[in-house]
Amino acid sequence: IVVEAVEKQRNPALTKEQMEAEYRRVLGVKKIIWLKQGRYDDDFAFSGLLPNKDGKKELYTVIATGGHIDEHVRFVGPNKILYTEVSEEEAQRDPVAAENRKRFAENLAILKAATDQDDKPFELIAMPSAPTIIETLQPGDGVYDYLASNKKMQEFNKIPAGQPIKVILASSYLNFLITNKVVLAQQFWREGAPEEWKQMDARAIAILQSVFPDRKIVAFDARAINVGGGGIHCNTQQVPKTKS
């Protein structure tokens, strides 16, 4: 499963058909499913500011990928897929969540119409969308300095010289790493955060345990990774088990 917005940005000289042919060649896959867009909070920082909960556009994304798949849709078996779902209540109180709800609904419609490598429909399991997390970055912070010096940022979305900025993290419960015996997952509640976050964490961990009954779910606060862009899965490389 790939995200069209990301693949076209990464491969501007290729058509979808050419990209598919290359994926089949190097990955040995039989079928490619194209979703339209990724998370709104994973859009490129230079593409513009995102709205806060009051609707004012003042939030920068961090070192984002433009919508990578592992922030919102993941395989958890040959025929089983976890997808992110944003509730109507979340969408009503947060413009970023509202945009994500639209994008995820479009992606879900594609997944419902798609079939697997054996032409069977997928088993689709909803995961909660993680909390909207806002941080303030200052000059001297590594991510701030990267954004401030980035050529595309300077051209399209320049940071006011020396001023702190508010950033929104691409927080997700789907950016986990599957290992032989453990699934390393993200949780977001910390002391002082809303109790609702703790409930969301618990729900997400319970769903992961249900789809990985033979593995231990180890969840931790990965916000230091999130501030740099992405999450646990973005910063790791799983090695497939092969036959000798």
Protein backbone atom coordinates (compact mmCIF):
# COMPACT_ATOMS: atom_id res chain seq x y z
CA ILE A 1 0.00 0.00 0.00
CA VAL A 2 1.42 3.37 -1.00
CA VAL A 3 0.38 7.01 -0.75
CA GLU A 4 0.02 8.70 -4.12
CA ALA A 5 1.04 12.15 -2.86
CA VAL A 6 4.31 10.75 -1.48
CA GLU A 7 5.20 8.50 -4.40
CA LYS A 8 4.61 11.22 -7.00
CA GLN A 9 6.72 13.65 -4.99
CA ARG A 10 9.54 11.10 -4.69
CA ASN A 11 9.35 9.95 -8.32
CA PRO A 12 8.29 13.01 -10.36
CA ALA A 13 9.57 11.62 -13.67
CA LEU A 14 7.63 8.35 -13.44
CA THR A 15 4.00 7.48 -14.12
CA LYS A 16 2.03 5.35 -11.68
CA GLU A 17 2.35 2.44 -14.10
CA GLN A 18 6.14 2.82 -14.20
CA MET A 19 6.33 3.02 -10.42
CA GLU A 20 4.17 -0.09 -10.08
CA ALA A 21 6.40 -2.01 -12.48
CA GLU A 22 9.45 -1.11 -10.40
CA TYR A 23 7.76 -2.06 -7.11
CA ARG A 24 6.81 -5.42 -8.60
CA ARG A 25 10.37 -5.96 -9.79
CA VAL A 26 12.23 -5.07 -6.60
CA LEU A 27 9.68 -6.18 -3.99
CA GLY A 28 8.12 -9.18 -5.72
CA VAL A 29 4.59 -7.94 -4.96
CA LYS A 30 1.54 -8.90 -7.00
CA LYS A 31 -0.62 -5.88 -6.31
CA ILE A 32 -0.22 -2.22 -5.30
CA ILE A 33 -3.01 -0.25 -3.59
CA TRP A 34 -2.85 3.53 -4.00
CA LEU A 35 -4.22 5.75 -1.24
CA LYS A 36 -4.56 9.47 -1.96
CA GLN A 37 -3.04 11.39 0.96
CA GLY A 38 -1.49 10.87 4.36
CA ARG A 39 -2.02 12.73 7.63
CA TYR A 40 -2.53 16.49 7.41
CA ASP A 41 -0.04 16.88 10.28
CA ASP A 42 2.52 14.96 8.19
CA ASP A 43 2.39 17.44 5.28
CA PHE A 44 5.62 19.18 4.33
CA ALA A 45 6.44 22.16 6.54
CA PHE A 46 7.13 24.35 3.50
CA SER A 47 3.67 23.70 2.07
CA GLY A 48 2.02 26.04 4.59
CA LEU A 49 0.83 26.57 8.15
CA LEU A 50 -1.79 24.37 9.77
CA PRO A 51 -4.67 25.72 11.90
CA ASN A 52 -4.78 25.60 15.69
CA LYS A 53 -7.99 24.64 17.49
CA ASP A 54 -9.30 28.19 17.04
CA GLY A 55 -8.74 27.98 13.29
CA LYS A 56 -5.78 30.37 13.20
CA LYS A 57 -3.06 29.12 10.85
CA GLU A 58 0.07 29.22 12.98
CA LEU A 59 1.32 25.62 13.28
CA TYR A 60 4.34 24.30 11.41
CA THR A 61 4.79 20.62 10.76
CA VAL A 62 8.21 19.23 11.70
CA ILE A 63 10.59 17.28 9.42
CA ALA A 64 7.66 15.51 7.80
CA THR A 65 7.49 13.17 4.83
CA GLY A 66 4.43 14.52 3.06
CA GLY A 67 2.16 11.68 4.20
CA HIS A 68 3.94 8.38 4.74
CA ILE A 69 1.79 5.27 4.96
CA ASP A 70 3.06 4.11 8.36
CA GLU A 71 1.40 7.07 10.07
CA HIS A 72 -2.15 5.93 9.22
CA VAL A 73 -2.40 2.47 7.60
CA ARG A 74 -0.45 -0.72 8.47
CA PHE A 75 -0.54 -4.37 7.53
CA VAL A 76 -0.71 -6.65 10.59
CA GLY A 77 -1.11 -9.88 8.63
CA PRO A 78 -1.36 -11.11 5.02
CA ASN A 79 -5.02 -10.04 4.88
CA LYS A 80 -5.41 -7.79 7.94
CA ILE A 81 -5.01 -4.00 8.00
CA LEU A 82 -5.15 -1.43 10.79
CA TYR A 83 -6.35 2.02 9.73
CA THR A 84 -6.68 5.30 11.61
CA GLU A 85 -10.17 6.57 12.37
CA VAL A 86 -11.04 10.09 13.51
CA SER A 87 -14.35 10.49 15.32
CA GLU A 88 -16.90 13.17 14.48
CA GLU A 89 -16.40 14.63 17.96
CA GLU A 90 -12.64 14.96 17.39
CA ALA A 91 -13.23 16.56 14.00
CA GLN A 92 -15.64 19.12 15.43
CA ARG A 93 -13.17 20.44 17.99
CA ASP A 94 -9.98 20.39 15.93
CA PRO A 95 -9.53 21.57 12.30
CA VAL A 96 -6.50 19.30 11.82
CA ALA A 97 -8.53 16.30 12.97
CA ALA A 98 -11.36 17.39 10.66
CA GLU A 99 -9.05 17.35 7.64
CA ASN A 100 -7.63 13.99 8.71
CA ARG A 101 -11.16 12.60 9.03
CA LYS A 102 -11.83 13.56 5.39
CA ARG A 103 -8.56 12.09 4.14
CA PHE A 104 -8.94 8.87 6.11
CA ALA A 105 -12.53 8.40 4.93
CA GLU A 106 -11.36 8.60 1.32
CA ASN A 107 -8.57 6.12 2.04
CA LEU A 108 -10.95 3.75 3.83
CA ALA A 109 -13.27 3.71 0.82
CA ILE A 110 -10.31 2.65 -1.33
CA LEU A 111 -9.33 -0.09 1.12
CA LYS A 112 -12.91 -1.40 1.30
CA ALA A 113 -13.02 -1.68 -2.49
CA ALA A 114 -9.58 -3.29 -2.71
CA THR A 115 -8.62 -6.95 -2.48
CA ASP A 116 -5.51 -8.73 -1.30
CA GLN A 117 -2.92 -10.79 -3.20
CA ASP A 118 -5.47 -13.63 -3.45
CA ASP A 119 -8.31 -11.30 -4.54
CA LYS A 120 -10.04 -11.55 -1.17
CA PRO A 121 -11.38 -8.50 0.70
CA PHE A 122 -9.31 -7.22 3.58
CA GLU A 123 -10.14 -7.48 7.25
CA LEU A 124 -10.08 -3.82 8.30
CA ILE A 125 -9.64 -2.80 11.95
CA ALA A 126 -10.01 0.78 13.16
CA MET A 127 -7.40 2.37 15.41
CA PRO A 128 -7.94 5.62 17.32
CA SER A 129 -6.23 8.72 16.06
CA ALA A 130 -3.58 9.91 18.48
CA PRO A 131 -3.90 13.22 20.37
CA THR A 132 -3.05 16.49 18.64
CA ILE A 133 0.24 17.53 20.23
CA ILE A 134 1.66 21.04 19.95
CA GLU A 135 5.23 21.93 20.94
CA THR A 136 7.16 25.21 20.89
CA LEU A 137 10.61 25.21 19.26
CA GLN A 138 13.25 27.86 19.78
CA PRO A 139 16.35 28.92 17.83
CA GLY A 140 19.07 26.44 18.77
CA ASP A 141 16.73 23.44 18.75
CA GLY A 142 17.94 21.02 16.07
CA VAL A 143 14.61 20.76 14.26
CA TYR A 144 14.05 24.53 14.42
CA ASP A 145 17.48 25.24 12.93
CA TYR A 146 16.93 22.66 10.19
CA LEU A 147 13.59 24.20 9.19
CA ALA A 148 14.90 27.77 9.39
CA SER A 149 17.81 26.93 7.07
CA ASN A 150 15.90 24.74 4.64
CA LYS A 151 15.84 26.26 1.15
CA LYS A 152 12.23 25.32 0.44
CA MET A 153 11.16 26.75 3.79
CA GLN A 154 12.96 30.00 3.02
CA GLU A 155 11.17 30.18 -0.32
CA PHE A 156 7.64 29.11 0.59
CA ASN A 157 7.10 29.29 4.37
CA LYS A 158 9.92 31.26 5.93
CA ILE A 159 10.22 31.27 9.70
CA PRO A 160 10.42 34.81 11.16
CA ALA A 161 14.08 35.36 12.04
CA GLY A 162 14.89 34.31 15.61
CA GLN A 163 11.24 33.84 16.61
CA PRO A 164 9.97 30.72 18.41
CA ILE A 165 7.46 28.65 16.45
CA LYS A 166 4.62 26.32 17.34
CA VAL A 167 4.86 22.90 15.71
CA ILE A 168 2.34 20.08 15.42
CA LEU A 169 3.61 16.53 15.69
CA ALA A 170 2.55 13.75 13.34
CA SER A 171 1.43 11.67 16.30
CA SER A 172 0.16 8.19 15.46
CA TYR A 173 -0.55 4.84 17.09
CA LEU A 174 0.35 3.06 13.87
CA ASN A 175 4.02 3.99 13.79
CA PHE A 176 5.03 0.81 15.62
CA LEU A 177 7.78 -1.76 15.03
CA ILE A 178 6.99 -5.48 14.78
CA THR A 179 9.77 -7.76 16.03
CA ASN A 180 9.83 -11.54 16.58
CA LYS A 181 8.45 -11.40 20.13
CA VAL A 182 7.66 -7.75 20.83
CA VAL A 183 5.77 -4.86 19.22
CA LEU A 184 7.31 -1.49 20.12
CA ALA A 185 4.49 1.05 20.15
CA GLN A 186 3.91 4.71 20.95
CA GLN A 187 1.87 6.13 23.81
CA PHE A 188 1.23 9.81 24.42
CA TRP A 189 -0.10 10.39 27.93
CA ARG A 190 2.37 11.86 30.39
CA GLU A 191 1.93 13.55 33.76
CA GLY A 192 -0.28 16.61 33.35
CA ALA A 193 -1.79 15.54 30.03
CA PRO A 194 -5.59 15.05 29.66
CA GLU A 195 -6.95 11.78 31.05
CA GLU A 196 -8.56 11.25 27.66
CA TRP A 197 -5.08 10.64 26.25
CA LYS A 198 -4.52 7.83 28.76
CA GLN A 199 -7.77 6.22 27.62
CA MET A 200 -6.76 6.52 23.96
CA ASP A 201 -3.38 4.95 24.75
CA ALA A 202 -5.06 2.04 26.52
CA ARG A 203 -7.50 1.46 23.67
CA ALA A 204 -4.73 1.49 21.05
CA ILE A 205 -2.54 -0.89 23.07
CA ALA A 206 -5.48 -3.27 23.57
CA ILE A 207 -6.12 -3.35 19.81
CA LEU A 208 -2.46 -4.05 19.11
CA GLN A 209 -2.50 -6.89 21.63
CA SER A 210 -5.59 -8.37 19.97
CA VAL A 211 -3.93 -8.47 16.54
CA PHE A 212 -0.56 -9.62 17.93
CA PRO A 213 -1.63 -12.20 20.55
CA ASP A 214 1.74 -13.98 20.39
CA ARG A 215 3.78 -10.83 21.03
CA LYS A 216 4.29 -8.54 23.99
CA ILE A 217 3.20 -4.93 23.39
CA VAL A 218 5.76 -2.50 24.79
CA ALA A 219 4.55 1.11 24.57
CA PHE A 220 6.54 4.17 25.55
CA ASP A 221 6.59 7.94 25.18
CA ALA A 222 8.35 8.54 21.85
CA ARG A 223 7.77 12.28 21.66
CA ALA A 224 11.50 13.00 21.29
CA ILE A 225 11.34 11.02 18.04
CA ASN A 226 8.03 12.60 16.99
CA VAL A 227 9.46 16.13 17.31
CA GLY A 228 12.13 15.18 14.80
CA GLY A 229 9.49 13.88 12.39
CA GLY A 230 7.95 10.42 12.17
CA GLY A 231 7.96 7.79 14.87
CA ILE A 232 9.32 4.42 15.98
CA HIS A 233 8.76 2.64 12.67
CA CYS A 234 10.24 5.57 10.73
CA ASN A 235 13.46 5.24 12.70
CA THR A 236 13.89 1.47 12.42
CA GLN A 237 14.30 -1.17 9.74
CA GLN A 238 12.66 -4.55 10.21
CA VAL A 239 14.39 -7.52 8.53
CA PRO A 240 12.03 -10.09 6.97
CA LYS A 241 12.38 -13.70 8.08
CA THR A 242 13.69 -15.74 5.14
CA LYS A 243 13.97 -19.40 4.31
CA SER A 244 17.49 -20.81 4.33
